[in-house]
């Protein structure tokens, strides 16, 4: 039976006091899509507002990115479904890619929090990479305890942010996750790092997007 994954992607095109151009980080969609699509996983795209999803850091020299950019799937992504019209329980997993955009319209967004909680409480996999784990902040699955408390995870580190977008982001993701009780870990800047804690799968940075998808694929194949 075909497995289904819902990518939840940002609509935010700018961030910070200097209106830095942003969106989703292109390889963090293209690389997971490449892994999952070639394995026969069905993928749909949703975003907080629906429709257009701006992107950052497209590299046509990367074969997976170029293939995705020229695909029907990329056109579907830019006509993404409005998240409020989607039930994450209808999928086997959700995946929240990063980029700086999620720090605008995905972090602490009630619709996002509901989607995460709904996926988790119906036994589905929850995955996120880079800044995507900001989607986990403030999530309550009904017990009044922060969703991330006591869970092992990763996300874009303070050390990485210091050299990338420290003046643009509203807060340090690593600090915010730790403040809610997450057991956060990281590797040296820009090195692949994926943390699997049961049905929660997180990746640290862009280099972790493909490896995260491989872990998610292994999990989906075990169902």
N, C-alpha and C. Protein backbone atom coordinates (compact mmCIF):
# COMPACT_ATOMS: atom_id res chain seq x y z
N UNK A 1 0.84 -1.20 0.00
CA UNK A 1 0.00 0.00 0.00
C UNK A 1 0.88 1.26 0.00
N UNK A 2 0.53 2.21 -0.82
CA UNK A 2 1.32 3.44 -0.94
C UNK A 2 1.28 4.24 0.35
N UNK A 3 2.44 4.72 0.78
CA UNK A 3 2.53 5.60 1.94
C UNK A 3 2.45 7.05 1.47
N UNK A 4 1.95 7.91 2.36
CA UNK A 4 1.74 9.31 2.02
C UNK A 4 2.43 10.22 3.04
N UNK A 5 3.13 11.23 2.53
CA UNK A 5 3.82 12.21 3.38
C UNK A 5 3.35 13.60 3.00
N UNK A 6 3.06 14.40 4.02
CA UNK A 6 2.66 15.80 3.82
C UNK A 6 3.83 16.71 4.17
N UNK A 7 4.33 17.44 3.18
CA UNK A 7 5.32 18.48 3.43
C UNK A 7 4.57 19.75 3.80
N UNK A 8 4.94 20.36 4.93
CA UNK A 8 4.33 21.63 5.36
C UNK A 8 5.37 22.73 5.19
N UNK A 9 5.11 23.64 4.26
CA UNK A 9 6.12 24.58 3.77
C UNK A 9 5.70 26.02 4.06
N UNK A 10 6.67 26.87 4.31
CA UNK A 10 6.42 28.27 4.63
C UNK A 10 5.88 29.07 3.44
N UNK A 11 5.13 30.13 3.75
CA UNK A 11 4.73 31.13 2.76
C UNK A 11 5.51 32.43 2.91
N UNK A 12 6.39 32.51 3.92
CA UNK A 12 7.07 33.77 4.23
C UNK A 12 8.20 34.05 3.26
N UNK A 13 8.19 35.24 2.66
CA UNK A 13 9.20 35.62 1.68
C UNK A 13 10.26 36.56 2.24
N UNK A 14 10.01 37.16 3.38
CA UNK A 14 10.99 38.06 4.00
C UNK A 14 11.02 37.83 5.50
N UNK A 15 12.14 38.21 6.12
CA UNK A 15 12.28 38.05 7.56
C UNK A 15 13.20 39.14 8.10
N UNK A 16 12.96 39.52 9.34
CA UNK A 16 13.89 40.35 10.08
C UNK A 16 13.81 41.84 9.81
N UNK A 17 14.56 42.61 10.61
CA UNK A 17 14.51 44.07 10.54
C UNK A 17 15.02 44.65 9.23
N UNK A 18 15.78 43.86 8.48
CA UNK A 18 16.31 44.34 7.20
C UNK A 18 15.57 43.73 6.01
N UNK A 19 14.44 43.09 6.31
CA UNK A 19 13.62 42.46 5.26
C UNK A 19 14.45 41.56 4.36
N UNK A 20 15.17 40.67 4.97
CA UNK A 20 15.98 39.70 4.24
C UNK A 20 15.07 38.77 3.43
N UNK A 21 15.41 38.55 2.16
CA UNK A 21 14.65 37.62 1.33
C UNK A 21 14.83 36.21 1.86
N UNK A 22 13.73 35.48 1.90
CA UNK A 22 13.80 34.12 2.43
C UNK A 22 12.73 33.25 1.80
N UNK A 23 12.36 32.20 2.48
CA UNK A 23 11.40 31.21 2.01
C UNK A 23 11.83 29.87 2.58
N UNK A 24 11.46 28.78 1.91
CA UNK A 24 12.01 27.49 2.32
C UNK A 24 13.38 27.32 1.67
N UNK A 25 14.25 26.57 2.33
CA UNK A 25 15.59 26.32 1.80
C UNK A 25 15.47 25.21 0.77
N UNK A 26 15.76 25.52 -0.47
CA UNK A 26 15.39 24.64 -1.59
C UNK A 26 15.85 23.20 -1.42
N UNK A 27 17.11 22.95 -1.04
CA UNK A 27 17.52 21.55 -0.91
C UNK A 27 16.79 20.79 0.19
N UNK A 28 16.20 21.50 1.13
CA UNK A 28 15.50 20.83 2.22
C UNK A 28 14.12 20.33 1.81
N UNK A 29 13.67 20.73 0.64
CA UNK A 29 12.50 20.10 0.02
C UNK A 29 12.95 19.15 -1.08
N UNK A 30 13.88 19.61 -1.92
CA UNK A 30 14.29 18.82 -3.08
C UNK A 30 14.93 17.49 -2.70
N UNK A 31 15.82 17.50 -1.72
CA UNK A 31 16.51 16.26 -1.36
C UNK A 31 15.58 15.24 -0.71
N UNK A 32 14.75 15.62 0.27
CA UNK A 32 13.78 14.65 0.79
C UNK A 32 12.80 14.17 -0.29
N UNK A 33 12.36 15.09 -1.14
CA UNK A 33 11.46 14.68 -2.22
C UNK A 33 12.12 13.62 -3.09
N UNK A 34 13.37 13.84 -3.44
CA UNK A 34 14.11 12.91 -4.29
C UNK A 34 14.15 11.52 -3.66
N UNK A 35 14.46 11.46 -2.38
CA UNK A 35 14.55 10.17 -1.68
C UNK A 35 13.19 9.47 -1.63
N UNK A 36 12.18 10.22 -1.21
CA UNK A 36 10.87 9.62 -0.98
C UNK A 36 10.13 9.30 -2.27
N UNK A 37 10.18 10.22 -3.22
CA UNK A 37 9.48 10.02 -4.48
C UNK A 37 10.03 8.81 -5.23
N UNK A 38 11.35 8.67 -5.27
CA UNK A 38 11.95 7.55 -5.99
C UNK A 38 11.68 6.22 -5.29
N UNK A 39 11.26 6.27 -4.04
CA UNK A 39 10.91 5.05 -3.31
C UNK A 39 9.41 4.76 -3.40
N UNK A 40 8.69 5.58 -4.16
CA UNK A 40 7.27 5.33 -4.36
C UNK A 40 6.36 5.94 -3.31
N UNK A 41 6.89 6.86 -2.50
CA UNK A 41 6.08 7.54 -1.50
C UNK A 41 5.30 8.68 -2.18
N UNK A 42 4.02 8.78 -1.89
CA UNK A 42 3.19 9.87 -2.43
C UNK A 42 3.37 11.11 -1.56
N UNK A 43 3.61 12.24 -2.18
CA UNK A 43 3.89 13.48 -1.45
C UNK A 43 2.89 14.56 -1.83
N UNK A 44 2.36 15.23 -0.82
CA UNK A 44 1.52 16.40 -1.03
C UNK A 44 2.14 17.58 -0.29
N UNK A 45 1.74 18.79 -0.69
CA UNK A 45 2.30 20.00 -0.11
C UNK A 45 1.19 20.87 0.46
N UNK A 46 1.43 21.37 1.66
CA UNK A 46 0.52 22.33 2.28
C UNK A 46 1.34 23.47 2.87
N UNK A 47 0.70 24.59 3.08
CA UNK A 47 1.34 25.76 3.69
C UNK A 47 0.31 26.52 4.48
N UNK A 48 0.74 27.39 5.40
CA UNK A 48 -0.24 28.11 6.22
C UNK A 48 -1.29 28.85 5.42
N UNK A 49 -0.89 29.52 4.35
CA UNK A 49 -1.83 30.33 3.56
C UNK A 49 -2.27 29.64 2.28
N UNK A 50 -1.62 28.54 1.91
CA UNK A 50 -1.89 27.91 0.63
C UNK A 50 -1.23 28.68 -0.50
N UNK A 51 -1.19 28.07 -1.68
CA UNK A 51 -0.66 28.76 -2.84
C UNK A 51 0.85 28.82 -2.88
N UNK A 52 1.35 29.99 -3.26
CA UNK A 52 2.77 30.18 -3.54
C UNK A 52 3.65 29.97 -2.32
N UNK A 53 4.78 29.30 -2.54
CA UNK A 53 5.76 29.06 -1.47
C UNK A 53 7.12 29.55 -1.93
N UNK A 54 7.59 30.71 -1.45
CA UNK A 54 8.88 31.27 -1.86
C UNK A 54 10.03 30.37 -1.42
N UNK A 55 11.12 30.45 -2.14
CA UNK A 55 12.26 29.59 -1.82
C UNK A 55 13.56 30.37 -1.83
N UNK A 56 14.57 29.75 -1.23
CA UNK A 56 15.89 30.35 -1.08
C UNK A 56 16.93 29.27 -1.41
N UNK A 57 18.07 29.71 -1.92
CA UNK A 57 19.27 28.86 -2.07
C UNK A 57 19.12 27.76 -3.12
N UNK A 58 18.40 28.03 -4.19
CA UNK A 58 18.33 27.06 -5.28
C UNK A 58 19.69 26.97 -5.98
N UNK A 59 20.14 25.74 -6.23
CA UNK A 59 21.42 25.51 -6.89
C UNK A 59 21.20 24.56 -8.06
N UNK A 60 21.22 25.09 -9.28
CA UNK A 60 20.95 24.27 -10.46
C UNK A 60 22.05 23.25 -10.73
N UNK A 61 23.21 23.40 -10.08
CA UNK A 61 24.29 22.44 -10.25
C UNK A 61 24.06 21.16 -9.45
N UNK A 62 23.10 21.22 -8.55
CA UNK A 62 22.72 20.06 -7.75
C UNK A 62 21.63 19.32 -8.54
N UNK A 63 21.94 18.10 -8.97
CA UNK A 63 21.03 17.36 -9.85
C UNK A 63 19.64 17.17 -9.24
N UNK A 64 19.59 16.86 -7.95
CA UNK A 64 18.30 16.64 -7.30
C UNK A 64 17.48 17.93 -7.27
N UNK A 65 18.15 19.05 -7.01
CA UNK A 65 17.43 20.33 -6.99
C UNK A 65 16.94 20.69 -8.38
N UNK A 66 17.78 20.52 -9.39
CA UNK A 66 17.38 20.87 -10.76
C UNK A 66 16.21 20.00 -11.22
N UNK A 67 16.29 18.72 -10.90
CA UNK A 67 15.21 17.81 -11.29
C UNK A 67 13.90 18.21 -10.63
N UNK A 68 13.97 18.55 -9.36
CA UNK A 68 12.74 18.96 -8.66
C UNK A 68 12.22 20.28 -9.21
N UNK A 69 13.11 21.23 -9.47
CA UNK A 69 12.71 22.54 -9.99
C UNK A 69 11.95 22.41 -11.31
N UNK A 70 12.31 21.43 -12.10
CA UNK A 70 11.70 21.24 -13.41
C UNK A 70 10.54 20.26 -13.40
N UNK A 71 10.14 19.82 -12.21
CA UNK A 71 9.13 18.76 -12.10
C UNK A 71 7.71 19.29 -11.95
N UNK A 72 6.76 18.41 -12.20
CA UNK A 72 5.36 18.72 -11.93
C UNK A 72 5.13 18.91 -10.44
N UNK A 73 5.91 18.21 -9.64
CA UNK A 73 5.78 18.34 -8.19
C UNK A 73 6.08 19.75 -7.73
N UNK A 74 7.09 20.39 -8.34
CA UNK A 74 7.40 21.77 -7.97
C UNK A 74 6.26 22.70 -8.32
N UNK A 75 5.60 22.46 -9.44
CA UNK A 75 4.44 23.27 -9.80
C UNK A 75 3.30 23.05 -8.81
N UNK A 76 3.15 21.82 -8.36
CA UNK A 76 2.13 21.54 -7.35
C UNK A 76 2.46 22.25 -6.04
N UNK A 77 3.74 22.25 -5.69
CA UNK A 77 4.18 22.94 -4.47
C UNK A 77 3.76 24.40 -4.50
N UNK A 78 3.84 25.04 -5.64
CA UNK A 78 3.49 26.45 -5.73
C UNK A 78 2.00 26.69 -5.89
N UNK A 79 1.24 25.61 -5.81
CA UNK A 79 -0.21 25.69 -5.64
C UNK A 79 -0.57 24.87 -4.40
N UNK A 80 0.22 25.05 -3.35
CA UNK A 80 0.08 24.23 -2.15
C UNK A 80 -1.31 24.36 -1.53
N UNK A 81 -1.73 23.32 -0.87
CA UNK A 81 -3.03 23.33 -0.19
C UNK A 81 -2.94 24.18 1.08
N UNK A 82 -4.04 24.83 1.40
CA UNK A 82 -4.10 25.58 2.65
C UNK A 82 -4.15 24.58 3.81
N UNK A 83 -3.27 24.76 4.79
CA UNK A 83 -3.14 23.79 5.86
C UNK A 83 -4.45 23.58 6.62
N UNK A 84 -5.24 24.62 6.78
CA UNK A 84 -6.50 24.50 7.51
C UNK A 84 -7.49 23.56 6.82
N UNK A 85 -7.24 23.27 5.55
CA UNK A 85 -8.13 22.39 4.79
C UNK A 85 -7.59 20.97 4.70
N UNK A 86 -6.51 20.71 5.44
CA UNK A 86 -5.84 19.41 5.39
C UNK A 86 -5.84 18.79 6.78
N UNK A 87 -6.04 17.49 6.86
CA UNK A 87 -5.96 16.76 8.13
C UNK A 87 -4.68 15.93 8.10
N UNK A 88 -3.73 16.28 8.95
CA UNK A 88 -2.45 15.57 8.94
C UNK A 88 -2.59 14.10 9.32
N UNK A 89 -3.71 13.75 9.93
CA UNK A 89 -3.95 12.35 10.26
C UNK A 89 -4.20 11.49 9.02
N UNK A 90 -4.44 12.13 7.88
CA UNK A 90 -4.67 11.39 6.64
C UNK A 90 -3.37 10.94 5.98
N UNK A 91 -2.24 11.28 6.58
CA UNK A 91 -0.93 10.95 6.02
C UNK A 91 -0.18 10.04 6.99
N UNK A 92 0.83 9.38 6.47
CA UNK A 92 1.65 8.52 7.33
C UNK A 92 2.72 9.31 8.06
N UNK A 93 3.03 10.49 7.55
CA UNK A 93 4.05 11.33 8.18
C UNK A 93 3.87 12.76 7.70
N UNK A 94 4.36 13.68 8.50
CA UNK A 94 4.51 15.06 8.06
C UNK A 94 5.99 15.40 8.08
N UNK A 95 6.39 16.32 7.21
CA UNK A 95 7.77 16.76 7.15
C UNK A 95 7.77 18.28 7.01
N UNK A 96 8.47 18.95 7.91
CA UNK A 96 8.54 20.41 7.88
C UNK A 96 9.96 20.82 7.52
N UNK A 97 10.19 21.28 6.28
CA UNK A 97 11.51 21.74 5.88
C UNK A 97 11.83 23.10 6.49
N UNK A 98 13.12 23.43 6.47
CA UNK A 98 13.54 24.70 7.05
C UNK A 98 13.73 25.80 6.03
N UNK A 99 14.79 26.58 6.24
CA UNK A 99 14.90 27.89 5.65
C UNK A 99 14.51 28.88 6.74
N UNK A 100 14.70 30.14 6.50
CA UNK A 100 14.34 31.13 7.52
C UNK A 100 12.84 31.40 7.56
N UNK A 101 12.15 31.14 6.45
CA UNK A 101 10.72 31.42 6.38
C UNK A 101 9.92 30.83 7.53
N UNK A 102 10.16 29.58 7.93
CA UNK A 102 9.39 29.02 9.03
C UNK A 102 9.48 29.80 10.34
N UNK A 103 10.57 30.55 10.52
CA UNK A 103 10.70 31.36 11.73
C UNK A 103 9.77 32.57 11.70
N UNK A 104 9.08 32.77 10.58
CA UNK A 104 8.09 33.84 10.47
C UNK A 104 6.67 33.30 10.66
N UNK A 105 6.30 32.29 9.86
CA UNK A 105 4.88 31.90 9.84
C UNK A 105 4.60 30.47 10.28
N UNK A 106 5.62 29.72 10.65
CA UNK A 106 5.39 28.35 11.13
C UNK A 106 5.61 28.24 12.63
N UNK A 107 6.60 28.96 13.16
CA UNK A 107 6.85 28.89 14.60
C UNK A 107 5.65 29.44 15.38
N UNK A 108 5.19 28.63 16.34
CA UNK A 108 4.09 28.98 17.24
C UNK A 108 2.80 29.37 16.50
N UNK A 109 2.63 28.82 15.32
CA UNK A 109 1.40 29.01 14.55
C UNK A 109 0.38 27.97 15.01
N UNK A 110 -0.79 28.39 15.50
CA UNK A 110 -1.76 27.42 16.02
C UNK A 110 -2.15 26.34 15.02
N UNK A 111 -2.23 26.68 13.74
CA UNK A 111 -2.57 25.67 12.73
C UNK A 111 -1.46 24.63 12.62
N UNK A 112 -0.23 25.09 12.66
CA UNK A 112 0.91 24.17 12.61
C UNK A 112 0.92 23.29 13.85
N UNK A 113 0.74 23.90 15.01
CA UNK A 113 0.73 23.14 16.25
C UNK A 113 -0.35 22.07 16.23
N UNK A 114 -1.51 22.42 15.68
CA UNK A 114 -2.61 21.45 15.59
C UNK A 114 -2.22 20.31 14.66
N UNK A 115 -1.58 20.65 13.53
CA UNK A 115 -1.18 19.61 12.57
C UNK A 115 -0.17 18.65 13.19
N UNK A 116 0.78 19.19 13.94
CA UNK A 116 1.77 18.34 14.61
C UNK A 116 1.09 17.45 15.64
N UNK A 117 0.26 18.05 16.48
CA UNK A 117 -0.43 17.28 17.52
C UNK A 117 -1.34 16.22 16.92
N UNK A 118 -2.03 16.58 15.87
CA UNK A 118 -2.95 15.64 15.21
C UNK A 118 -2.17 14.45 14.62
N UNK A 119 -1.06 14.73 13.96
CA UNK A 119 -0.25 13.64 13.41
C UNK A 119 0.27 12.73 14.53
N UNK A 120 0.77 13.35 15.58
CA UNK A 120 1.38 12.57 16.66
C UNK A 120 0.35 11.71 17.39
N UNK A 121 -0.77 12.29 17.72
CA UNK A 121 -1.76 11.56 18.52
C UNK A 121 -2.51 10.50 17.71
N UNK A 122 -2.34 10.51 16.40
CA UNK A 122 -2.93 9.46 15.57
C UNK A 122 -1.88 8.45 15.11
N UNK A 123 -0.71 8.50 15.74
CA UNK A 123 0.30 7.47 15.52
C UNK A 123 1.16 7.65 14.29
N UNK A 124 1.22 8.88 13.76
CA UNK A 124 2.00 9.13 12.55
C UNK A 124 3.40 9.63 12.90
N UNK A 125 4.28 9.67 11.90
CA UNK A 125 5.63 10.18 12.10
C UNK A 125 5.65 11.70 11.93
N UNK A 126 6.45 12.34 12.75
CA UNK A 126 6.64 13.79 12.68
C UNK A 126 8.12 14.03 12.40
N UNK A 127 8.42 14.74 11.31
CA UNK A 127 9.81 15.00 10.95
C UNK A 127 9.99 16.46 10.57
N UNK A 128 11.17 16.97 10.83
CA UNK A 128 11.46 18.38 10.54
C UNK A 128 12.96 18.55 10.46
N UNK A 129 13.40 19.52 9.65
CA UNK A 129 14.83 19.71 9.44
C UNK A 129 15.20 21.18 9.50
N UNK A 130 16.39 21.46 10.03
CA UNK A 130 17.00 22.79 10.09
C UNK A 130 16.17 23.74 10.97
N UNK A 131 15.53 24.76 10.40
CA UNK A 131 14.64 25.62 11.18
C UNK A 131 13.24 25.03 11.29
N UNK A 132 12.99 23.94 10.55
CA UNK A 132 11.68 23.31 10.59
C UNK A 132 11.22 22.87 11.96
N UNK A 133 12.13 22.44 12.87
CA UNK A 133 11.69 22.05 14.20
C UNK A 133 11.06 23.19 15.02
N UNK A 134 11.08 24.42 14.51
CA UNK A 134 10.33 25.48 15.19
C UNK A 134 8.84 25.15 15.19
N UNK A 135 8.43 24.24 14.31
CA UNK A 135 7.04 23.80 14.27
C UNK A 135 6.63 23.03 15.52
N UNK A 136 7.61 22.56 16.27
CA UNK A 136 7.34 21.75 17.46
C UNK A 136 7.14 22.61 18.71
N UNK A 137 7.46 23.88 18.62
CA UNK A 137 7.36 24.76 19.78
C UNK A 137 5.91 25.03 20.14
N UNK A 138 5.62 24.95 21.43
CA UNK A 138 4.27 25.27 21.91
C UNK A 138 3.24 24.21 21.63
N UNK A 139 3.65 23.08 21.08
CA UNK A 139 2.69 22.01 20.78
C UNK A 139 2.25 21.33 22.07
N UNK A 140 0.94 21.13 22.20
CA UNK A 140 0.36 20.45 23.36
C UNK A 140 -0.50 19.31 22.82
N UNK A 141 -0.17 18.08 23.18
CA UNK A 141 -0.94 16.96 22.68
C UNK A 141 -2.07 16.57 23.64
N UNK A 142 -2.37 17.47 24.58
CA UNK A 142 -3.52 17.27 25.45
C UNK A 142 -3.19 16.99 26.89
N UNK A 143 -1.90 16.88 27.20
CA UNK A 143 -1.52 16.58 28.58
C UNK A 143 -0.94 17.79 29.30
N UNK A 144 -0.92 18.94 28.63
CA UNK A 144 -0.40 20.16 29.24
C UNK A 144 1.10 20.23 29.32
N UNK A 145 1.80 19.24 28.79
CA UNK A 145 3.26 19.19 28.81
C UNK A 145 3.79 19.57 27.43
N UNK A 146 4.81 20.43 27.35
CA UNK A 146 5.37 20.74 26.04
C UNK A 146 5.71 19.47 25.27
N UNK A 147 5.33 19.43 24.03
CA UNK A 147 5.53 18.24 23.20
C UNK A 147 6.99 17.78 23.20
N UNK A 148 7.92 18.73 23.14
CA UNK A 148 9.33 18.35 23.01
C UNK A 148 9.98 17.95 24.33
N UNK A 149 9.31 18.15 25.44
CA UNK A 149 9.93 17.87 26.73
C UNK A 149 10.34 16.41 26.84
N UNK A 150 11.63 16.21 27.11
CA UNK A 150 12.16 14.86 27.27
C UNK A 150 12.43 14.13 25.98
N UNK A 151 12.19 14.78 24.84
CA UNK A 151 12.43 14.12 23.55
C UNK A 151 13.80 14.51 23.01
N UNK A 152 14.47 13.54 22.42
CA UNK A 152 15.76 13.79 21.80
C UNK A 152 15.53 14.34 20.40
N UNK A 153 16.20 15.46 20.10
CA UNK A 153 16.01 16.08 18.78
C UNK A 153 17.18 16.99 18.45
N UNK A 154 17.13 17.52 17.25
CA UNK A 154 18.10 18.50 16.81
C UNK A 154 17.41 19.55 15.97
N UNK A 155 18.16 20.50 15.50
CA UNK A 155 17.67 21.60 14.67
C UNK A 155 18.85 22.53 14.44
N UNK A 156 18.63 23.59 13.70
CA UNK A 156 19.71 24.52 13.39
C UNK A 156 20.32 25.05 14.68
N UNK A 157 21.63 24.91 14.81
CA UNK A 157 22.28 25.21 16.08
C UNK A 157 22.59 26.70 16.25
N UNK A 158 22.84 27.09 17.49
CA UNK A 158 23.23 28.48 17.75
C UNK A 158 24.53 28.82 17.04
N UNK A 159 25.45 27.87 17.01
CA UNK A 159 26.73 28.13 16.35
C UNK A 159 26.53 28.36 14.86
N UNK A 160 25.64 27.60 14.25
CA UNK A 160 25.36 27.79 12.83
C UNK A 160 24.64 29.12 12.59
N UNK A 161 23.70 29.43 13.46
CA UNK A 161 22.94 30.68 13.30
C UNK A 161 23.83 31.90 13.44
N UNK A 162 24.82 31.79 14.30
CA UNK A 162 25.72 32.91 14.54
C UNK A 162 26.39 33.36 13.24
N UNK A 163 26.70 32.39 12.37
CA UNK A 163 27.38 32.71 11.12
C UNK A 163 26.43 32.88 9.94
N UNK A 164 25.11 32.78 10.21
CA UNK A 164 24.18 32.75 9.09
C UNK A 164 23.11 33.84 9.15
N UNK A 165 22.34 33.86 10.22
CA UNK A 165 21.19 34.80 10.24
C UNK A 165 20.86 35.28 11.64
N UNK A 166 21.87 35.43 12.46
CA UNK A 166 21.62 35.78 13.85
C UNK A 166 20.80 37.07 14.00
N UNK A 167 21.06 38.05 13.13
CA UNK A 167 20.37 39.34 13.25
C UNK A 167 18.98 39.32 12.61
N UNK A 168 18.66 38.26 11.90
CA UNK A 168 17.39 38.20 11.19
C UNK A 168 16.31 37.40 11.91
N UNK A 169 16.70 36.41 12.69
CA UNK A 169 15.72 35.53 13.32
C UNK A 169 15.22 36.14 14.63
N UNK A 170 13.95 35.87 14.99
CA UNK A 170 13.37 36.46 16.21
C UNK A 170 13.88 35.83 17.50
N UNK A 171 14.45 34.62 17.41
CA UNK A 171 14.99 33.95 18.58
C UNK A 171 15.91 32.83 18.10
N UNK A 172 16.70 32.30 19.04
CA UNK A 172 17.57 31.17 18.73
C UNK A 172 16.76 29.88 18.88
N UNK A 173 16.66 29.12 17.81
CA UNK A 173 15.86 27.90 17.83
C UNK A 173 16.37 26.91 18.87
N UNK A 174 17.67 26.73 18.94
CA UNK A 174 18.23 25.80 19.91
C UNK A 174 17.81 26.16 21.33
N UNK A 175 17.89 27.43 21.68
CA UNK A 175 17.50 27.88 23.02
C UNK A 175 16.01 27.64 23.28
N UNK A 176 15.18 27.92 22.28
CA UNK A 176 13.74 27.78 22.45
C UNK A 176 13.35 26.32 22.66
N UNK A 177 13.96 25.42 21.91
CA UNK A 177 13.67 24.00 22.07
C UNK A 177 14.12 23.51 23.45
N UNK A 178 15.31 23.95 23.84
CA UNK A 178 15.83 23.55 25.16
C UNK A 178 14.97 24.09 26.29
N UNK A 179 14.48 25.31 26.12
CA UNK A 179 13.64 25.93 27.15
C UNK A 179 12.35 25.16 27.38
N UNK A 180 11.88 24.45 26.35
CA UNK A 180 10.66 23.66 26.51
C UNK A 180 10.97 22.23 26.93
N UNK A 181 12.24 21.95 27.25
CA UNK A 181 12.60 20.66 27.82
C UNK A 181 13.13 19.64 26.84
N UNK A 182 13.41 20.05 25.60
CA UNK A 182 13.96 19.12 24.63
C UNK A 182 15.37 18.70 25.01
N UNK A 183 15.72 17.47 24.67
CA UNK A 183 17.09 16.99 24.83
C UNK A 183 17.79 17.23 23.50
N UNK A 184 18.36 18.41 23.37
CA UNK A 184 18.91 18.88 22.11
C UNK A 184 20.37 18.43 21.95
N UNK A 185 20.73 18.05 20.72
CA UNK A 185 22.13 17.74 20.44
C UNK A 185 22.48 18.23 19.04
N UNK A 186 23.75 18.50 18.82
CA UNK A 186 24.19 18.98 17.51
C UNK A 186 25.58 18.46 17.21
N UNK A 187 25.96 18.57 15.95
CA UNK A 187 27.29 18.22 15.49
C UNK A 187 27.96 19.50 14.99
N UNK A 188 29.22 19.45 14.56
CA UNK A 188 29.87 20.65 14.03
C UNK A 188 29.07 21.28 12.90
N UNK A 189 29.25 22.59 12.75
CA UNK A 189 28.48 23.36 11.77
C UNK A 189 28.43 22.70 10.41
N UNK A 190 27.20 22.61 9.88
CA UNK A 190 26.92 22.18 8.51
C UNK A 190 27.21 20.71 8.23
N UNK A 191 27.51 19.95 9.29
CA UNK A 191 27.71 18.50 9.12
C UNK A 191 26.36 17.79 9.28
N UNK A 192 26.12 16.72 8.51
CA UNK A 192 24.84 16.00 8.63
C UNK A 192 24.62 15.46 10.04
N UNK A 193 23.40 15.60 10.50
CA UNK A 193 23.05 15.09 11.83
C UNK A 193 21.55 14.85 11.87
N UNK A 194 21.17 13.61 12.10
CA UNK A 194 19.76 13.24 12.21
C UNK A 194 19.56 12.54 13.55
N UNK A 195 18.52 12.94 14.26
CA UNK A 195 18.19 12.33 15.55
C UNK A 195 16.82 11.67 15.43
N UNK A 196 16.77 10.40 15.76
CA UNK A 196 15.51 9.65 15.73
C UNK A 196 15.12 9.30 17.16
N UNK A 197 13.95 9.73 17.56
CA UNK A 197 13.41 9.39 18.88
C UNK A 197 11.99 8.87 18.67
N UNK A 198 11.90 7.57 18.47
CA UNK A 198 10.60 6.98 18.17
C UNK A 198 10.05 7.52 16.86
N UNK A 199 8.86 8.09 16.92
CA UNK A 199 8.22 8.63 15.72
C UNK A 199 8.62 10.08 15.42
N UNK A 200 9.54 10.63 16.18
CA UNK A 200 10.04 11.98 15.95
C UNK A 200 11.42 11.88 15.28
N UNK A 201 11.53 12.48 14.09
CA UNK A 201 12.78 12.44 13.33
C UNK A 201 13.16 13.87 12.95
N UNK A 202 14.33 14.31 13.40
CA UNK A 202 14.75 15.69 13.15
C UNK A 202 16.15 15.74 12.56
N UNK A 203 16.39 16.75 11.73
CA UNK A 203 17.69 16.96 11.13
C UNK A 203 18.21 18.35 11.46
N UNK A 204 19.51 18.49 11.56
CA UNK A 204 20.10 19.72 12.08
C UNK A 204 20.16 20.86 11.07
N UNK A 205 20.45 20.57 9.82
CA UNK A 205 20.81 21.61 8.86
C UNK A 205 20.55 21.12 7.44
N UNK A 206 20.83 21.94 6.42
CA UNK A 206 20.55 21.49 5.04
C UNK A 206 21.20 20.16 4.67
N UNK A 207 22.41 19.92 5.15
CA UNK A 207 23.10 18.67 4.83
C UNK A 207 22.39 17.45 5.41
N UNK A 208 21.49 17.69 6.34
CA UNK A 208 20.78 16.60 7.03
C UNK A 208 19.46 16.25 6.35
N UNK A 209 19.05 17.01 5.35
CA UNK A 209 17.72 16.81 4.76
C UNK A 209 17.60 15.46 4.06
N UNK A 210 18.58 15.12 3.23
CA UNK A 210 18.55 13.82 2.57
C UNK A 210 18.65 12.67 3.54
N UNK A 211 19.62 12.69 4.47
CA UNK A 211 19.70 11.63 5.47
C UNK A 211 18.43 11.50 6.31
N UNK A 212 17.78 12.63 6.64
CA UNK A 212 16.52 12.57 7.38
C UNK A 212 15.48 11.81 6.58
N UNK A 213 15.39 12.11 5.28
CA UNK A 213 14.40 11.43 4.44
C UNK A 213 14.66 9.93 4.39
N UNK A 214 15.94 9.54 4.41
CA UNK A 214 16.26 8.11 4.39
C UNK A 214 15.82 7.45 5.69
N UNK A 215 15.99 8.15 6.82
CA UNK A 215 15.50 7.61 8.10
C UNK A 215 13.98 7.51 8.09
N UNK A 216 13.33 8.53 7.54
CA UNK A 216 11.87 8.52 7.48
C UNK A 216 11.40 7.38 6.58
N UNK A 217 12.07 7.19 5.46
CA UNK A 217 11.71 6.10 4.56
C UNK A 217 11.83 4.74 5.25
N UNK A 218 12.91 4.56 5.98
CA UNK A 218 13.08 3.30 6.73
C UNK A 218 11.93 3.09 7.70
N UNK A 219 11.54 4.18 8.37
CA UNK A 219 10.43 4.10 9.33
C UNK A 219 9.12 3.77 8.62
N UNK A 220 8.86 4.41 7.51
CA UNK A 220 7.62 4.17 6.77
C UNK A 220 7.56 2.75 6.24
N UNK A 221 8.70 2.24 5.81
CA UNK A 221 8.74 0.86 5.29
C UNK A 221 8.54 -0.18 6.39
N UNK A 222 8.70 0.25 7.64
CA UNK A 222 8.52 -0.69 8.75
C UNK A 222 7.06 -0.82 9.18
N UNK A 223 6.22 0.08 8.65
CA UNK A 223 4.80 0.06 9.03
C UNK A 223 4.13 -1.21 8.46
